[in-house]
Amino acid sequence: MGCLLVLLAAFAPRLIVLFAWIARPGYFDSVFDTFIFPLLGLIFLPFTTLMWLLVGAPPQGVEGLEWLWVVLAVLLDLGHYGNTWEQRGTVEAGVGRGAGRRTPPPPA
């Protein structure tokens, strides 16, 4: 079961954070002071929010080498956004509305 959770967290961190929020609201509230930060993290930095949830166990919070995991999660999130930005030109124009229509090739 643990391996399945790790695989799901790698591919869908937002889903795991949402499941944790629903399943353990007391733990979630003890890690985060307010609901604003986890909500923003769920939208913009899902891996960082998930890592903060895993290493920020109360009462000590994040300390020592646990910051390394948080920094790696931030880099993973930023790398995802950078990769998306880099590949923005590879999507064909016109995909979506009228995707079935194709323009004929120019005459030779």
N, C-alpha and C. Protein backbone atom coordinates (compact mmCIF):
# COMPACT_ATOMS: atom_id res chain seq x y z
N MET A 1 0.82 -1.19 0.00
CA MET A 1 0.00 0.00 0.00
C MET A 1 0.86 1.25 0.00
N GLY A 2 1.98 1.21 0.72
CA GLY A 2 2.86 2.37 0.77
C GLY A 2 3.48 2.68 -0.57
N CYS A 3 3.85 1.64 -1.32
CA CYS A 3 4.45 1.85 -2.64
C CYS A 3 3.44 2.47 -3.60
N LEU A 4 2.19 2.05 -3.50
CA LEU A 4 1.14 2.61 -4.34
C LEU A 4 0.94 4.09 -4.02
N LEU A 5 1.01 4.44 -2.76
CA LEU A 5 0.88 5.83 -2.35
C LEU A 5 2.03 6.67 -2.89
N VAL A 6 3.23 6.14 -2.86
CA VAL A 6 4.40 6.88 -3.37
C VAL A 6 4.28 7.06 -4.88
N LEU A 7 3.87 6.04 -5.60
CA LEU A 7 3.69 6.17 -7.05
C LEU A 7 2.61 7.19 -7.38
N LEU A 8 1.52 7.15 -6.66
CA LEU A 8 0.45 8.11 -6.89
C LEU A 8 0.90 9.52 -6.55
N ALA A 9 1.69 9.67 -5.51
CA ALA A 9 2.21 10.99 -5.14
C ALA A 9 3.17 11.53 -6.19
N ALA A 10 3.90 10.66 -6.85
CA ALA A 10 4.82 11.11 -7.89
C ALA A 10 4.08 11.63 -9.12
N PHE A 11 2.94 11.03 -9.41
CA PHE A 11 2.20 11.42 -10.61
C PHE A 11 1.05 12.38 -10.34
N ALA A 12 0.52 12.38 -9.13
CA ALA A 12 -0.61 13.24 -8.81
C ALA A 12 -0.50 13.79 -7.38
N PRO A 13 0.45 14.69 -7.14
CA PRO A 13 0.62 15.19 -5.77
C PRO A 13 -0.58 15.98 -5.27
N ARG A 14 -1.29 16.65 -6.18
CA ARG A 14 -2.47 17.39 -5.75
C ARG A 14 -3.53 16.46 -5.19
N LEU A 15 -3.67 15.31 -5.80
CA LEU A 15 -4.65 14.33 -5.35
C LEU A 15 -4.29 13.79 -3.96
N ILE A 16 -3.02 13.53 -3.73
CA ILE A 16 -2.59 13.02 -2.43
C ILE A 16 -2.77 14.08 -1.34
N VAL A 17 -2.45 15.34 -1.65
CA VAL A 17 -2.64 16.40 -0.66
C VAL A 17 -4.13 16.56 -0.35
N LEU A 18 -4.96 16.48 -1.37
CA LEU A 18 -6.40 16.58 -1.15
C LEU A 18 -6.92 15.41 -0.32
N PHE A 19 -6.45 14.20 -0.61
CA PHE A 19 -6.83 13.03 0.20
C PHE A 19 -6.38 13.18 1.65
N ALA A 20 -5.17 13.70 1.85
CA ALA A 20 -4.67 13.90 3.22
C ALA A 20 -5.50 14.95 3.94
N TRP A 21 -5.90 15.97 3.23
CA TRP A 21 -6.70 17.03 3.83
C TRP A 21 -8.06 16.50 4.26
N ILE A 22 -8.65 15.63 3.44
CA ILE A 22 -9.96 15.06 3.76
C ILE A 22 -9.84 13.97 4.85
N ALA A 23 -8.83 13.12 4.73
CA ALA A 23 -8.70 11.97 5.64
C ALA A 23 -8.19 12.37 7.03
N ARG A 24 -7.27 13.29 7.12
CA ARG A 24 -6.67 13.68 8.40
C ARG A 24 -6.71 15.19 8.59
N PRO A 25 -7.87 15.78 8.75
CA PRO A 25 -7.93 17.24 8.88
C PRO A 25 -7.23 17.76 10.13
N GLY A 26 -7.21 16.98 11.22
CA GLY A 26 -6.53 17.42 12.44
C GLY A 26 -5.03 17.52 12.24
N TYR A 27 -4.43 16.52 11.59
CA TYR A 27 -2.99 16.55 11.30
C TYR A 27 -2.68 17.69 10.34
N PHE A 28 -3.52 17.84 9.34
CA PHE A 28 -3.32 18.90 8.36
C PHE A 28 -3.35 20.27 9.02
N ASP A 29 -4.31 20.47 9.93
CA ASP A 29 -4.41 21.75 10.63
C ASP A 29 -3.26 21.97 11.60
N SER A 30 -2.68 20.89 12.13
CA SER A 30 -1.55 21.07 13.03
C SER A 30 -0.25 21.38 12.27
N VAL A 31 -0.15 20.95 11.03
CA VAL A 31 1.04 21.26 10.23
C VAL A 31 0.95 22.67 9.66
N PHE A 32 -0.23 23.05 9.16
CA PHE A 32 -0.44 24.38 8.58
C PHE A 32 -1.29 25.21 9.54
N ASP A 33 -0.92 26.46 9.73
CA ASP A 33 -1.65 27.33 10.66
C ASP A 33 -3.00 27.77 10.10
N THR A 34 -3.05 28.01 8.80
CA THR A 34 -4.26 28.49 8.16
C THR A 34 -4.51 27.68 6.89
N PHE A 35 -5.68 27.79 6.32
CA PHE A 35 -5.97 27.02 5.13
C PHE A 35 -5.50 27.72 3.86
N ILE A 36 -5.08 28.97 3.95
CA ILE A 36 -4.66 29.74 2.77
C ILE A 36 -3.39 29.15 2.15
N PHE A 37 -2.38 28.87 2.97
CA PHE A 37 -1.11 28.36 2.44
C PHE A 37 -1.25 26.98 1.80
N PRO A 38 -1.93 26.03 2.42
CA PRO A 38 -2.08 24.76 1.73
C PRO A 38 -2.94 24.86 0.47
N LEU A 39 -3.91 25.76 0.46
CA LEU A 39 -4.74 25.93 -0.73
C LEU A 39 -3.92 26.51 -1.87
N LEU A 40 -3.11 27.53 -1.58
CA LEU A 40 -2.23 28.09 -2.61
C LEU A 40 -1.17 27.08 -3.03
N GLY A 41 -0.66 26.32 -2.06
CA GLY A 41 0.31 25.28 -2.40
C GLY A 41 -0.30 24.19 -3.24
N LEU A 42 -1.54 23.86 -2.99
CA LEU A 42 -2.23 22.85 -3.78
C LEU A 42 -2.38 23.31 -5.23
N ILE A 43 -2.56 24.60 -5.42
CA ILE A 43 -2.72 25.13 -6.78
C ILE A 43 -1.38 25.33 -7.47
N PHE A 44 -0.42 25.96 -6.80
CA PHE A 44 0.81 26.38 -7.47
C PHE A 44 2.03 25.49 -7.22
N LEU A 45 2.21 24.98 -6.01
CA LEU A 45 3.39 24.19 -5.66
C LEU A 45 2.98 22.88 -4.99
N PRO A 46 2.44 21.92 -5.74
CA PRO A 46 1.90 20.71 -5.12
C PRO A 46 2.97 19.82 -4.48
N PHE A 47 4.12 19.66 -5.12
CA PHE A 47 5.16 18.81 -4.53
C PHE A 47 5.71 19.42 -3.24
N THR A 48 5.85 20.74 -3.22
CA THR A 48 6.33 21.41 -2.02
C THR A 48 5.33 21.28 -0.88
N THR A 49 4.06 21.42 -1.18
CA THR A 49 3.03 21.27 -0.16
C THR A 49 3.01 19.85 0.39
N LEU A 50 3.13 18.88 -0.51
CA LEU A 50 3.16 17.48 -0.08
C LEU A 50 4.38 17.20 0.78
N MET A 51 5.54 17.71 0.40
CA MET A 51 6.75 17.48 1.18
C MET A 51 6.66 18.18 2.53
N TRP A 52 6.11 19.40 2.56
CA TRP A 52 5.95 20.10 3.83
C TRP A 52 5.02 19.32 4.74
N LEU A 53 4.01 18.72 4.17
CA LEU A 53 3.07 17.91 4.95
C LEU A 53 3.76 16.67 5.51
N LEU A 54 4.67 16.09 4.76
CA LEU A 54 5.36 14.87 5.21
C LEU A 54 6.44 15.15 6.26
N VAL A 55 7.20 16.23 6.10
CA VAL A 55 8.32 16.47 7.03
C VAL A 55 7.98 17.49 8.11
N GLY A 56 6.87 18.18 7.99
CA GLY A 56 6.53 19.22 8.96
C GLY A 56 5.68 18.72 10.11
N ALA A 57 5.96 17.53 10.60
CA ALA A 57 5.15 16.95 11.68
C ALA A 57 5.29 17.78 12.95
N PRO A 58 4.18 18.05 13.60
CA PRO A 58 4.24 18.82 14.84
C PRO A 58 4.84 17.99 15.95
N PRO A 59 5.38 18.52 16.98
CA PRO A 59 5.47 19.94 17.30
C PRO A 59 6.74 20.59 16.79
N GLN A 60 7.71 19.82 16.32
CA GLN A 60 9.00 20.42 15.98
C GLN A 60 8.99 21.15 14.64
N GLY A 61 8.15 20.77 13.69
CA GLY A 61 8.12 21.42 12.39
C GLY A 61 9.29 20.97 11.53
N VAL A 62 9.68 21.81 10.60
CA VAL A 62 10.77 21.49 9.67
C VAL A 62 12.07 22.03 10.26
N GLU A 63 13.05 21.16 10.42
CA GLU A 63 14.34 21.59 10.96
C GLU A 63 15.44 20.67 10.45
N GLY A 64 16.64 21.20 10.42
CA GLY A 64 17.80 20.40 10.02
C GLY A 64 17.79 20.00 8.56
N LEU A 65 18.08 18.73 8.31
CA LEU A 65 18.17 18.24 6.93
C LEU A 65 16.81 18.10 6.26
N GLU A 66 15.75 18.28 7.00
CA GLU A 66 14.42 18.24 6.39
C GLU A 66 14.22 19.39 5.42
N TRP A 67 14.96 20.48 5.62
CA TRP A 67 14.89 21.60 4.69
C TRP A 67 15.39 21.19 3.30
N LEU A 68 16.30 20.24 3.25
CA LEU A 68 16.80 19.74 1.96
C LEU A 68 15.65 19.17 1.14
N TRP A 69 14.75 18.40 1.78
CA TRP A 69 13.62 17.81 1.07
C TRP A 69 12.66 18.89 0.58
N VAL A 70 12.47 19.91 1.39
CA VAL A 70 11.58 21.00 0.98
C VAL A 70 12.18 21.75 -0.21
N VAL A 71 13.46 22.03 -0.16
CA VAL A 71 14.13 22.73 -1.27
C VAL A 71 14.09 21.87 -2.53
N LEU A 72 14.30 20.57 -2.41
CA LEU A 72 14.22 19.70 -3.58
C LEU A 72 12.80 19.69 -4.17
N ALA A 73 11.80 19.75 -3.33
CA ALA A 73 10.42 19.80 -3.81
C ALA A 73 10.14 21.12 -4.53
N VAL A 74 10.68 22.23 -4.00
CA VAL A 74 10.52 23.52 -4.68
C VAL A 74 11.19 23.46 -6.05
N LEU A 75 12.39 22.91 -6.11
CA LEU A 75 13.09 22.79 -7.40
C LEU A 75 12.32 21.89 -8.37
N LEU A 76 11.71 20.85 -7.87
CA LEU A 76 10.90 19.98 -8.72
C LEU A 76 9.69 20.72 -9.27
N ASP A 77 9.02 21.49 -8.44
CA ASP A 77 7.89 22.29 -8.92
C ASP A 77 8.32 23.33 -9.94
N LEU A 78 9.40 24.05 -9.64
CA LEU A 78 9.89 25.06 -10.58
C LEU A 78 10.39 24.43 -11.88
N GLY A 79 11.00 23.24 -11.78
CA GLY A 79 11.43 22.52 -12.97
C GLY A 79 10.25 22.11 -13.84
N HIS A 80 9.15 21.75 -13.20
CA HIS A 80 7.94 21.41 -13.95
C HIS A 80 7.43 22.62 -14.73
N TYR A 81 7.37 23.78 -14.05
CA TYR A 81 6.92 24.98 -14.74
C TYR A 81 7.90 25.40 -15.84
N GLY A 82 9.18 25.25 -15.60
CA GLY A 82 10.18 25.57 -16.62
C GLY A 82 10.07 24.66 -17.83
N ASN A 83 9.84 23.39 -17.60
CA ASN A 83 9.69 22.44 -18.69
C ASN A 83 8.43 22.75 -19.50
N THR A 84 7.37 23.11 -18.82
CA THR A 84 6.14 23.48 -19.52
C THR A 84 6.37 24.72 -20.37
N TRP A 85 7.08 25.69 -19.83
CA TRP A 85 7.38 26.92 -20.57
C TRP A 85 8.26 26.61 -21.78
N GLU A 86 9.22 25.73 -21.61
CA GLU A 86 10.13 25.39 -22.70
C GLU A 86 9.40 24.68 -23.85
N GLN A 87 8.41 23.88 -23.54
CA GLN A 87 7.71 23.11 -24.56
C GLN A 87 6.43 23.77 -25.06
N ARG A 88 6.26 25.04 -24.78
CA ARG A 88 5.02 25.72 -25.15
C ARG A 88 4.85 25.82 -26.67
N GLY A 89 5.91 25.80 -27.44
CA GLY A 89 5.82 25.93 -28.89
C GLY A 89 5.62 24.61 -29.61
N THR A 90 5.64 23.50 -28.90
CA THR A 90 5.52 22.21 -29.58
C THR A 90 4.08 21.78 -29.81
N VAL A 91 3.12 22.49 -29.21
CA VAL A 91 1.72 22.16 -29.42
C VAL A 91 1.28 22.79 -30.73
N GLU A 92 0.58 22.00 -31.55
CA GLU A 92 0.12 22.52 -32.83
C GLU A 92 -0.95 23.57 -32.62
N ALA A 93 -0.92 24.57 -33.45
CA ALA A 93 -1.95 25.59 -33.39
C ALA A 93 -3.26 25.00 -33.88
N GLY A 94 -4.35 25.39 -33.26
CA GLY A 94 -5.65 24.92 -33.70
C GLY A 94 -6.12 23.65 -33.04
N VAL A 95 -5.33 23.09 -32.14
CA VAL A 95 -5.80 21.90 -31.44
C VAL A 95 -6.83 22.38 -30.43
N GLY A 96 -7.95 21.77 -30.44
CA GLY A 96 -9.05 22.20 -29.58
C GLY A 96 -10.26 22.45 -30.43
N ARG A 97 -10.56 23.73 -30.68
CA ARG A 97 -11.71 24.06 -31.51
C ARG A 97 -11.43 23.68 -32.96
N GLY A 98 -12.30 22.92 -33.53
CA GLY A 98 -12.15 22.57 -34.94
C GLY A 98 -10.93 21.72 -35.22
N ALA A 99 -10.56 20.86 -34.29
CA ALA A 99 -9.34 20.06 -34.45
C ALA A 99 -9.48 19.08 -35.61
N GLY A 100 -10.73 18.71 -35.98
CA GLY A 100 -10.94 17.79 -37.07
C GLY A 100 -10.70 18.40 -38.43
N ARG A 101 -10.78 19.73 -38.51
CA ARG A 101 -10.57 20.40 -39.80
C ARG A 101 -9.08 20.59 -40.05
N ARG A 102 -8.68 20.25 -41.17
CA ARG A 102 -7.27 20.44 -41.54
C ARG A 102 -7.22 21.32 -42.78
N THR A 103 -6.28 22.21 -42.81
CA THR A 103 -6.12 23.04 -44.00
C THR A 103 -5.36 22.24 -45.04
N PRO A 104 -5.75 22.37 -46.29
CA PRO A 104 -5.04 21.62 -47.33
C PRO A 104 -3.62 22.16 -47.49
N PRO A 105 -2.71 21.31 -47.93
CA PRO A 105 -1.34 21.78 -48.14
C PRO A 105 -1.31 22.80 -49.28
N PRO A 106 -0.34 23.71 -49.22
CA PRO A 106 -0.25 24.71 -50.30
C PRO A 106 0.08 24.04 -51.63
N PRO A 107 -0.42 24.60 -52.74
CA PRO A 107 -0.11 23.99 -54.04
C PRO A 107 1.37 24.07 -54.36
N ALA A 108 1.84 23.07 -55.05
CA ALA A 108 3.27 22.99 -55.36
C ALA A 108 3.66 23.81 -56.53
